């Protein structure tokens, strides 16, 4: 089974490490442009492409190697900054919106500050690359917001285009 891309760390993601009874070894770490983080006693470690459990095992192994007998380490991803959804057109703040698992079209529009007064709320196009081809579909956000249509779950890399309404 292949893992969903959102389960693996990417550049600029932030995760929190907690080591039981070791506050100096606990804290938040941002993945650098080269895919690494600097961790106490371990130096620079490569974490890009790893799941949080794999990072946990890696850090625990480094700490066991001469520093702590049985380190109890937990790793939790705080920010998925490497995953973005682009929202362009008639929204208050067009541009990238940080993706989170199970993000919907309505979440992305809200993350972009909502619609402008001239937005066509039922003319939102979702563009998604699938196996090298770009697929487009209309997302009637006004109908979704009012419960007449189901909300649509997004994927990292999706693009939402909010059209201007015709007067």
N, C-alpha and C. Protein backbone atom coordinates (compact mmCIF):
# COMPACT_ATOMS: atom_id res chain seq x y z
N UNK A 1 0.85 -1.19 0.00
CA UNK A 1 0.00 0.00 0.00
C UNK A 1 0.88 1.24 0.00
N UNK A 2 0.61 2.17 -0.91
CA UNK A 2 1.40 3.41 -0.97
C UNK A 2 0.76 4.43 -0.04
N UNK A 3 1.62 5.15 0.68
CA UNK A 3 1.12 6.15 1.62
C UNK A 3 0.65 7.39 0.89
N UNK A 4 -0.37 8.02 1.44
CA UNK A 4 -0.81 9.31 0.91
C UNK A 4 0.32 10.31 1.11
N UNK A 5 0.51 11.24 0.17
CA UNK A 5 1.62 12.18 0.28
C UNK A 5 1.55 13.03 1.54
N UNK A 6 0.35 13.29 2.06
CA UNK A 6 0.24 14.15 3.23
C UNK A 6 0.75 13.49 4.51
N UNK A 7 1.10 12.21 4.45
CA UNK A 7 1.63 11.53 5.63
C UNK A 7 3.14 11.64 5.72
N UNK A 8 3.78 12.20 4.71
CA UNK A 8 5.24 12.31 4.69
C UNK A 8 5.67 13.76 4.80
N UNK A 9 6.75 13.98 5.56
CA UNK A 9 7.24 15.35 5.77
C UNK A 9 7.86 15.92 4.50
N UNK A 10 7.67 17.21 4.32
CA UNK A 10 8.27 17.92 3.20
C UNK A 10 8.98 19.17 3.71
N UNK A 11 9.63 19.85 2.80
CA UNK A 11 10.37 21.08 3.13
C UNK A 11 9.41 22.12 3.70
N UNK A 12 9.82 22.76 4.79
CA UNK A 12 9.10 23.84 5.48
C UNK A 12 8.00 23.33 6.41
N UNK A 13 7.79 22.00 6.49
CA UNK A 13 6.84 21.48 7.47
C UNK A 13 7.43 21.66 8.87
N UNK A 14 6.55 21.76 9.87
CA UNK A 14 6.98 21.93 11.26
C UNK A 14 6.43 20.77 12.07
N UNK A 15 7.32 20.14 12.86
CA UNK A 15 6.87 19.08 13.75
C UNK A 15 7.41 19.33 15.14
N UNK A 16 6.68 18.79 16.13
CA UNK A 16 7.09 18.95 17.52
C UNK A 16 7.61 17.63 18.05
N UNK A 17 8.75 17.70 18.72
CA UNK A 17 9.36 16.52 19.35
C UNK A 17 9.20 16.69 20.85
N UNK A 18 8.75 15.64 21.51
CA UNK A 18 8.68 15.63 22.97
C UNK A 18 9.44 14.40 23.46
N UNK A 19 10.35 14.64 24.38
CA UNK A 19 11.10 13.55 25.00
C UNK A 19 10.74 13.58 26.48
N UNK A 20 10.17 12.48 26.96
CA UNK A 20 9.70 12.40 28.34
C UNK A 20 10.81 12.74 29.32
N UNK A 21 10.54 13.65 30.24
CA UNK A 21 11.47 14.09 31.30
C UNK A 21 12.72 14.77 30.77
N UNK A 22 12.70 15.23 29.53
CA UNK A 22 13.86 15.92 28.94
C UNK A 22 13.39 17.18 28.20
N UNK A 23 13.02 18.23 28.96
CA UNK A 23 12.50 19.44 28.31
C UNK A 23 13.51 20.10 27.35
N UNK A 24 14.80 19.94 27.60
CA UNK A 24 15.80 20.54 26.71
C UNK A 24 15.87 19.85 25.36
N UNK A 25 15.34 18.64 25.27
CA UNK A 25 15.34 17.90 24.01
C UNK A 25 13.98 17.98 23.30
N UNK A 26 13.04 18.70 23.91
CA UNK A 26 11.71 18.85 23.34
C UNK A 26 11.59 20.22 22.67
N UNK A 27 10.81 20.27 21.60
CA UNK A 27 10.59 21.55 20.92
C UNK A 27 10.10 21.36 19.51
N UNK A 28 9.88 22.49 18.82
CA UNK A 28 9.39 22.48 17.44
C UNK A 28 10.56 22.61 16.48
N UNK A 29 10.47 21.90 15.36
CA UNK A 29 11.53 21.89 14.36
C UNK A 29 10.92 22.08 12.97
N UNK A 30 11.52 22.98 12.19
CA UNK A 30 11.09 23.23 10.81
C UNK A 30 12.06 22.54 9.87
N UNK A 31 11.52 21.81 8.88
CA UNK A 31 12.35 21.11 7.90
C UNK A 31 12.98 22.16 6.97
N UNK A 32 14.31 22.17 6.91
CA UNK A 32 15.05 23.14 6.12
C UNK A 32 14.94 22.82 4.63
N UNK A 33 15.42 23.75 3.80
CA UNK A 33 15.35 23.61 2.34
C UNK A 33 16.09 22.36 1.85
N UNK A 34 17.08 21.90 2.63
CA UNK A 34 17.81 20.69 2.22
C UNK A 34 17.17 19.40 2.78
N UNK A 35 16.00 19.54 3.44
CA UNK A 35 15.28 18.37 3.94
C UNK A 35 15.73 17.88 5.30
N UNK A 36 16.49 18.71 6.02
CA UNK A 36 17.03 18.29 7.31
C UNK A 36 16.55 19.18 8.44
N UNK A 37 16.79 18.72 9.68
CA UNK A 37 16.63 19.53 10.89
C UNK A 37 17.88 19.33 11.74
N UNK A 38 18.21 20.31 12.53
CA UNK A 38 19.30 20.18 13.51
C UNK A 38 18.69 19.79 14.83
N UNK A 39 19.07 18.62 15.34
CA UNK A 39 18.51 18.13 16.59
C UNK A 39 19.63 17.95 17.61
N UNK A 40 19.40 18.36 18.88
CA UNK A 40 20.44 18.23 19.90
C UNK A 40 20.98 16.80 20.01
N UNK A 41 22.27 16.68 20.13
CA UNK A 41 23.00 15.41 20.27
C UNK A 41 23.00 14.56 18.99
N UNK A 42 22.15 14.88 18.05
CA UNK A 42 22.07 14.08 16.83
C UNK A 42 22.67 14.82 15.64
N UNK A 43 22.78 16.14 15.77
CA UNK A 43 23.28 16.94 14.65
C UNK A 43 22.22 17.11 13.58
N UNK A 44 22.67 17.23 12.34
CA UNK A 44 21.75 17.42 11.22
C UNK A 44 21.24 16.06 10.76
N UNK A 45 19.91 15.89 10.81
CA UNK A 45 19.32 14.63 10.37
C UNK A 45 18.33 14.89 9.23
N UNK A 46 18.32 13.99 8.27
CA UNK A 46 17.45 14.11 7.11
C UNK A 46 16.08 13.52 7.45
N UNK A 47 15.02 14.34 7.30
CA UNK A 47 13.68 13.88 7.65
C UNK A 47 12.68 13.99 6.50
N UNK A 48 13.06 14.65 5.41
CA UNK A 48 12.12 14.83 4.31
C UNK A 48 11.74 13.47 3.73
N UNK A 49 10.44 13.28 3.49
CA UNK A 49 9.93 12.01 2.96
C UNK A 49 9.61 10.98 4.01
N UNK A 50 9.90 11.29 5.29
CA UNK A 50 9.61 10.34 6.37
C UNK A 50 8.26 10.63 7.00
N UNK A 51 7.66 9.60 7.58
CA UNK A 51 6.45 9.78 8.38
C UNK A 51 6.86 10.16 9.79
N UNK A 52 5.93 10.71 10.57
CA UNK A 52 6.26 11.14 11.93
C UNK A 52 6.78 9.98 12.78
N UNK A 53 6.23 8.78 12.61
CA UNK A 53 6.70 7.61 13.37
C UNK A 53 8.14 7.25 13.03
N UNK A 54 8.52 7.43 11.76
CA UNK A 54 9.90 7.15 11.35
C UNK A 54 10.86 8.19 11.94
N UNK A 55 10.43 9.45 12.00
CA UNK A 55 11.25 10.49 12.62
C UNK A 55 11.41 10.20 14.11
N UNK A 56 10.33 9.75 14.74
CA UNK A 56 10.35 9.39 16.16
C UNK A 56 11.39 8.30 16.41
N UNK A 57 11.37 7.24 15.59
CA UNK A 57 12.34 6.14 15.74
C UNK A 57 13.77 6.61 15.49
N UNK A 58 13.94 7.47 14.50
CA UNK A 58 15.26 7.99 14.17
C UNK A 58 15.85 8.78 15.34
N UNK A 59 15.05 9.68 15.91
CA UNK A 59 15.52 10.50 17.03
C UNK A 59 15.77 9.63 18.26
N UNK A 60 14.86 8.71 18.55
CA UNK A 60 15.05 7.82 19.71
C UNK A 60 16.35 7.01 19.55
N UNK A 61 16.61 6.53 18.34
CA UNK A 61 17.85 5.78 18.08
C UNK A 61 19.09 6.62 18.31
N UNK A 62 19.05 7.88 17.85
CA UNK A 62 20.20 8.78 18.04
C UNK A 62 20.41 9.06 19.53
N UNK A 63 19.32 9.24 20.29
CA UNK A 63 19.44 9.52 21.72
C UNK A 63 19.90 8.29 22.51
N UNK A 64 19.51 7.10 22.06
CA UNK A 64 19.95 5.86 22.71
C UNK A 64 21.44 5.64 22.49
N UNK A 65 21.95 6.17 21.43
CA UNK A 65 23.35 5.97 21.05
C UNK A 65 24.27 6.84 21.92
N UNK A 66 24.28 6.57 23.23
CA UNK A 66 25.23 7.23 24.11
C UNK A 66 24.69 8.35 24.99
N UNK A 67 23.39 8.65 24.89
CA UNK A 67 22.86 9.78 25.67
C UNK A 67 21.80 9.37 26.68
N UNK A 68 20.78 8.63 26.25
CA UNK A 68 19.70 8.21 27.14
C UNK A 68 19.51 6.70 27.01
N UNK A 69 19.18 6.05 28.13
CA UNK A 69 19.01 4.61 28.11
C UNK A 69 17.77 4.18 27.33
N UNK A 70 16.60 4.66 27.73
CA UNK A 70 15.34 4.30 27.05
C UNK A 70 14.54 5.57 26.77
N UNK A 71 14.95 6.33 25.77
CA UNK A 71 14.24 7.59 25.51
C UNK A 71 12.81 7.33 25.02
N UNK A 72 11.87 8.06 25.62
CA UNK A 72 10.48 7.98 25.18
C UNK A 72 10.20 9.25 24.37
N UNK A 73 10.14 9.07 23.05
CA UNK A 73 10.04 10.19 22.12
C UNK A 73 8.69 10.16 21.42
N UNK A 74 8.08 11.32 21.29
CA UNK A 74 6.87 11.44 20.46
C UNK A 74 7.08 12.58 19.47
N UNK A 75 6.57 12.40 18.26
CA UNK A 75 6.68 13.40 17.20
C UNK A 75 5.29 13.65 16.65
N UNK A 76 4.91 14.94 16.59
CA UNK A 76 3.61 15.31 16.05
C UNK A 76 3.80 16.45 15.06
N UNK A 77 3.25 16.29 13.85
CA UNK A 77 3.36 17.34 12.84
C UNK A 77 2.41 18.47 13.22
N UNK A 78 2.94 19.69 13.25
CA UNK A 78 2.16 20.87 13.63
C UNK A 78 1.67 21.64 12.40
N UNK A 79 2.53 21.75 11.37
CA UNK A 79 2.18 22.52 10.18
C UNK A 79 2.64 21.77 8.93
N UNK A 80 1.71 21.59 8.01
CA UNK A 80 2.03 20.96 6.73
C UNK A 80 2.30 22.05 5.70
N UNK A 81 3.35 22.84 5.89
CA UNK A 81 3.62 23.97 5.00
C UNK A 81 4.07 23.55 3.60
N UNK A 82 4.54 22.33 3.44
CA UNK A 82 4.99 21.88 2.13
C UNK A 82 3.81 21.55 1.21
N UNK A 83 2.64 21.43 1.79
CA UNK A 83 1.46 21.14 1.01
C UNK A 83 0.62 22.38 0.90
N UNK A 84 0.30 22.76 -0.32
CA UNK A 84 -0.48 23.96 -0.54
C UNK A 84 -1.59 23.69 -1.53
N UNK A 85 -2.63 24.51 -1.42
CA UNK A 85 -3.71 24.57 -2.39
C UNK A 85 -3.73 26.01 -2.85
N UNK A 86 -3.80 26.25 -4.14
CA UNK A 86 -3.85 27.63 -4.64
C UNK A 86 -5.29 28.05 -4.86
N UNK A 87 -5.62 29.24 -4.38
CA UNK A 87 -6.95 29.81 -4.58
C UNK A 87 -6.75 31.14 -5.29
N UNK A 88 -7.24 31.23 -6.52
CA UNK A 88 -7.03 32.45 -7.30
C UNK A 88 -8.37 32.98 -7.80
N UNK A 89 -8.35 34.21 -8.25
CA UNK A 89 -9.56 34.83 -8.76
C UNK A 89 -10.20 35.72 -7.70
N UNK A 90 -11.51 35.67 -7.63
CA UNK A 90 -12.29 36.61 -6.82
C UNK A 90 -12.42 36.18 -5.35
N UNK A 91 -11.26 36.15 -4.66
CA UNK A 91 -11.22 35.94 -3.21
C UNK A 91 -10.44 37.10 -2.60
N UNK A 92 -10.60 37.30 -1.31
CA UNK A 92 -9.96 38.43 -0.63
C UNK A 92 -8.44 38.36 -0.65
N UNK A 93 -7.88 37.15 -0.46
CA UNK A 93 -6.43 36.98 -0.42
C UNK A 93 -6.03 35.84 -1.37
N UNK A 94 -5.96 36.13 -2.69
CA UNK A 94 -5.59 35.07 -3.62
C UNK A 94 -4.16 34.60 -3.37
N UNK A 95 -3.93 33.32 -3.61
CA UNK A 95 -2.59 32.77 -3.44
C UNK A 95 -2.65 31.41 -2.79
N UNK A 96 -1.48 30.95 -2.29
CA UNK A 96 -1.45 29.61 -1.68
C UNK A 96 -2.09 29.60 -0.29
N UNK A 97 -2.77 28.50 0.00
CA UNK A 97 -3.36 28.25 1.32
C UNK A 97 -2.74 26.95 1.81
N UNK A 98 -2.29 26.93 3.06
CA UNK A 98 -1.66 25.72 3.60
C UNK A 98 -2.69 24.60 3.70
N UNK A 99 -2.34 23.46 3.12
CA UNK A 99 -3.21 22.30 3.09
C UNK A 99 -3.20 21.58 4.44
N UNK A 100 -4.32 21.00 4.81
CA UNK A 100 -4.39 20.09 5.94
C UNK A 100 -5.24 18.89 5.52
N UNK A 101 -5.03 17.72 6.13
CA UNK A 101 -5.79 16.53 5.73
C UNK A 101 -7.30 16.77 5.80
N UNK A 102 -8.00 16.29 4.79
CA UNK A 102 -9.45 16.42 4.65
C UNK A 102 -9.93 17.85 4.43
N UNK A 103 -9.03 18.72 3.95
CA UNK A 103 -9.41 20.09 3.62
C UNK A 103 -10.45 20.06 2.51
N UNK A 104 -11.46 20.92 2.62
CA UNK A 104 -12.52 20.98 1.61
C UNK A 104 -12.43 22.28 0.81
N UNK A 105 -13.23 22.36 -0.24
CA UNK A 105 -13.30 23.57 -1.05
C UNK A 105 -13.69 24.76 -0.17
N UNK A 106 -14.68 24.57 0.69
CA UNK A 106 -15.13 25.66 1.57
C UNK A 106 -14.00 26.09 2.51
N UNK A 107 -13.23 25.14 3.04
CA UNK A 107 -12.09 25.47 3.90
C UNK A 107 -11.07 26.33 3.15
N UNK A 108 -10.77 25.96 1.91
CA UNK A 108 -9.77 26.69 1.13
C UNK A 108 -10.23 28.10 0.82
N UNK A 109 -11.51 28.26 0.45
CA UNK A 109 -12.06 29.60 0.18
C UNK A 109 -11.99 30.44 1.45
N UNK A 110 -12.35 29.85 2.58
CA UNK A 110 -12.28 30.58 3.86
C UNK A 110 -10.83 30.95 4.18
N UNK A 111 -9.88 30.03 3.90
CA UNK A 111 -8.46 30.31 4.13
C UNK A 111 -7.92 31.43 3.26
N UNK A 112 -8.59 31.68 2.13
CA UNK A 112 -8.20 32.77 1.23
C UNK A 112 -8.99 34.04 1.55
N UNK A 113 -9.63 34.07 2.71
CA UNK A 113 -10.33 35.28 3.15
C UNK A 113 -11.76 35.40 2.68
N UNK A 114 -12.27 34.39 1.99
CA UNK A 114 -13.65 34.44 1.51
C UNK A 114 -13.75 35.11 0.15
N UNK A 115 -14.96 35.17 -0.35
CA UNK A 115 -15.22 35.73 -1.67
C UNK A 115 -15.16 37.25 -1.66
N UNK A 116 -14.86 37.84 -2.82
CA UNK A 116 -15.01 39.28 -3.01
C UNK A 116 -16.47 39.54 -3.33
N UNK A 117 -16.91 40.80 -3.27
CA UNK A 117 -18.32 41.09 -3.59
C UNK A 117 -18.72 40.73 -5.02
N UNK A 118 -17.77 40.64 -5.94
CA UNK A 118 -18.13 40.34 -7.33
C UNK A 118 -17.87 38.88 -7.71
N UNK A 119 -17.63 38.03 -6.73
CA UNK A 119 -17.37 36.61 -7.01
C UNK A 119 -18.64 35.89 -7.42
N UNK A 120 -18.50 34.98 -8.35
CA UNK A 120 -19.60 34.09 -8.73
C UNK A 120 -19.45 32.83 -7.88
N UNK A 121 -20.19 32.77 -6.79
CA UNK A 121 -19.99 31.74 -5.78
C UNK A 121 -20.30 30.32 -6.25
N UNK A 122 -21.05 30.19 -7.32
CA UNK A 122 -21.33 28.85 -7.86
C UNK A 122 -20.50 28.57 -9.10
N UNK A 123 -19.55 29.47 -9.40
CA UNK A 123 -18.64 29.25 -10.54
C UNK A 123 -17.20 29.19 -10.04
N UNK A 124 -16.92 28.14 -9.29
CA UNK A 124 -15.57 27.90 -8.79
C UNK A 124 -15.08 26.64 -9.47
N UNK A 125 -13.94 26.76 -10.16
CA UNK A 125 -13.40 25.62 -10.89
C UNK A 125 -12.27 24.99 -10.09
N UNK A 126 -12.35 23.68 -9.92
CA UNK A 126 -11.28 22.91 -9.29
C UNK A 126 -10.45 22.29 -10.40
N UNK A 127 -9.15 22.62 -10.39
CA UNK A 127 -8.22 22.02 -11.35
C UNK A 127 -7.28 21.12 -10.57
N UNK A 128 -7.18 19.86 -11.03
CA UNK A 128 -6.36 18.87 -10.33
C UNK A 128 -5.59 18.06 -11.36
N UNK A 129 -4.29 17.89 -11.10
CA UNK A 129 -3.48 17.06 -11.99
C UNK A 129 -3.61 15.61 -11.55
N UNK A 130 -4.01 14.77 -12.49
CA UNK A 130 -4.16 13.34 -12.22
C UNK A 130 -3.40 12.59 -13.31
N UNK A 131 -2.34 11.91 -12.92
CA UNK A 131 -1.52 11.12 -13.85
C UNK A 131 -1.09 11.93 -15.07
N UNK A 132 -0.63 13.16 -14.84
CA UNK A 132 -0.10 13.98 -15.91
C UNK A 132 -1.12 14.77 -16.71
N UNK A 133 -2.41 14.59 -16.42
CA UNK A 133 -3.44 15.37 -17.12
C UNK A 133 -4.17 16.25 -16.12
N UNK A 134 -4.54 17.44 -16.56
CA UNK A 134 -5.27 18.36 -15.68
C UNK A 134 -6.77 18.13 -15.88
N UNK A 135 -7.44 17.81 -14.77
CA UNK A 135 -8.89 17.62 -14.80
C UNK A 135 -9.53 18.85 -14.17
N UNK A 136 -10.65 19.28 -14.71
CA UNK A 136 -11.38 20.43 -14.17
C UNK A 136 -12.81 20.01 -13.84
N UNK A 137 -13.32 20.60 -12.77
CA UNK A 137 -14.74 20.39 -12.44
C UNK A 137 -15.27 21.61 -11.73
N UNK A 138 -16.54 21.86 -11.89
CA UNK A 138 -17.17 23.00 -11.24
C UNK A 138 -17.55 22.65 -9.81
N UNK A 139 -17.33 23.59 -8.92
CA UNK A 139 -17.70 23.41 -7.50
C UNK A 139 -18.70 24.51 -7.14
N UNK A 140 -19.96 24.17 -6.99
CA UNK A 140 -20.96 25.18 -6.64
C UNK A 140 -20.90 25.53 -5.15
N UNK A 141 -19.98 26.41 -4.78
CA UNK A 141 -19.70 26.68 -3.37
C UNK A 141 -20.91 27.25 -2.63
N UNK A 142 -21.69 28.11 -3.29
CA UNK A 142 -22.89 28.65 -2.62
C UNK A 142 -23.85 27.52 -2.29
N UNK A 143 -24.04 26.57 -3.22
CA UNK A 143 -24.92 25.43 -2.96
C UNK A 143 -24.34 24.52 -1.88
N UNK A 144 -23.02 24.36 -1.89
CA UNK A 144 -22.36 23.54 -0.86
C UNK A 144 -22.58 24.17 0.51
N UNK A 145 -22.39 25.50 0.60
CA UNK A 145 -22.53 26.21 1.87
C UNK A 145 -23.95 26.12 2.42
N UNK A 146 -24.92 26.01 1.51
CA UNK A 146 -26.32 25.94 1.95
C UNK A 146 -26.81 24.50 2.06
N UNK A 147 -25.90 23.52 1.89
CA UNK A 147 -26.26 22.13 2.10
C UNK A 147 -26.95 21.45 0.93
N UNK A 148 -27.02 22.11 -0.23
CA UNK A 148 -27.69 21.50 -1.39
C UNK A 148 -26.76 20.58 -2.18
N UNK A 149 -25.45 20.76 -2.00
CA UNK A 149 -24.46 19.94 -2.70
C UNK A 149 -23.44 19.47 -1.67
N UNK A 150 -22.81 18.29 -1.88
CA UNK A 150 -21.78 17.83 -0.93
C UNK A 150 -20.49 18.63 -1.09
N UNK A 151 -19.80 18.82 0.02
CA UNK A 151 -18.51 19.51 -0.02
C UNK A 151 -17.49 18.60 -0.71
N UNK A 152 -16.44 19.17 -1.26
CA UNK A 152 -15.46 18.42 -2.03
C UNK A 152 -14.13 18.45 -1.30
N UNK A 153 -13.54 17.28 -1.06
CA UNK A 153 -12.25 17.19 -0.36
C UNK A 153 -11.14 17.46 -1.37
N UNK A 154 -10.20 18.32 -0.98
CA UNK A 154 -9.09 18.72 -1.84
C UNK A 154 -7.87 17.86 -1.59
N UNK A 155 -6.90 17.99 -2.49
CA UNK A 155 -5.60 17.33 -2.36
C UNK A 155 -4.52 18.39 -2.49
N UNK A 156 -3.35 18.15 -1.92
CA UNK A 156 -2.25 19.11 -2.10
C UNK A 156 -2.00 19.32 -3.59
N UNK A 157 -1.78 20.58 -3.97
CA UNK A 157 -1.50 20.90 -5.36
C UNK A 157 -2.73 21.31 -6.16
N UNK A 158 -3.92 21.13 -5.58
CA UNK A 158 -5.14 21.54 -6.28
C UNK A 158 -5.16 23.06 -6.47
N UNK A 159 -5.86 23.49 -7.51
CA UNK A 159 -6.02 24.92 -7.80
C UNK A 159 -7.51 25.21 -7.88
N UNK A 160 -7.95 26.22 -7.13
CA UNK A 160 -9.34 26.68 -7.21
C UNK A 160 -9.34 28.04 -7.90
N UNK A 161 -10.19 28.18 -8.91
CA UNK A 161 -10.32 29.44 -9.63
C UNK A 161 -11.72 29.96 -9.40
N UNK A 162 -11.83 31.13 -8.76
CA UNK A 162 -13.13 31.74 -8.48
C UNK A 162 -13.40 32.79 -9.54
N UNK A 163 -14.45 32.54 -10.32
CA UNK A 163 -14.79 33.44 -11.43
C UNK A 163 -15.50 34.70 -10.94
N UNK A 164 -15.47 35.72 -11.79
CA UNK A 164 -16.20 36.95 -11.55
C UNK A 164 -17.61 36.75 -12.08
N UNK A 165 -18.59 37.26 -11.32
CA UNK A 165 -19.98 37.08 -11.80
C UNK A 165 -20.31 38.11 -12.87
N UNK A 166 -21.19 37.72 -13.74
CA UNK A 166 -21.66 38.64 -14.78
C UNK A 166 -22.83 39.42 -14.23
N UNK A 167 -22.82 40.71 -14.44
CA UNK A 167 -23.88 41.56 -13.86
C UNK A 167 -25.08 41.66 -14.73
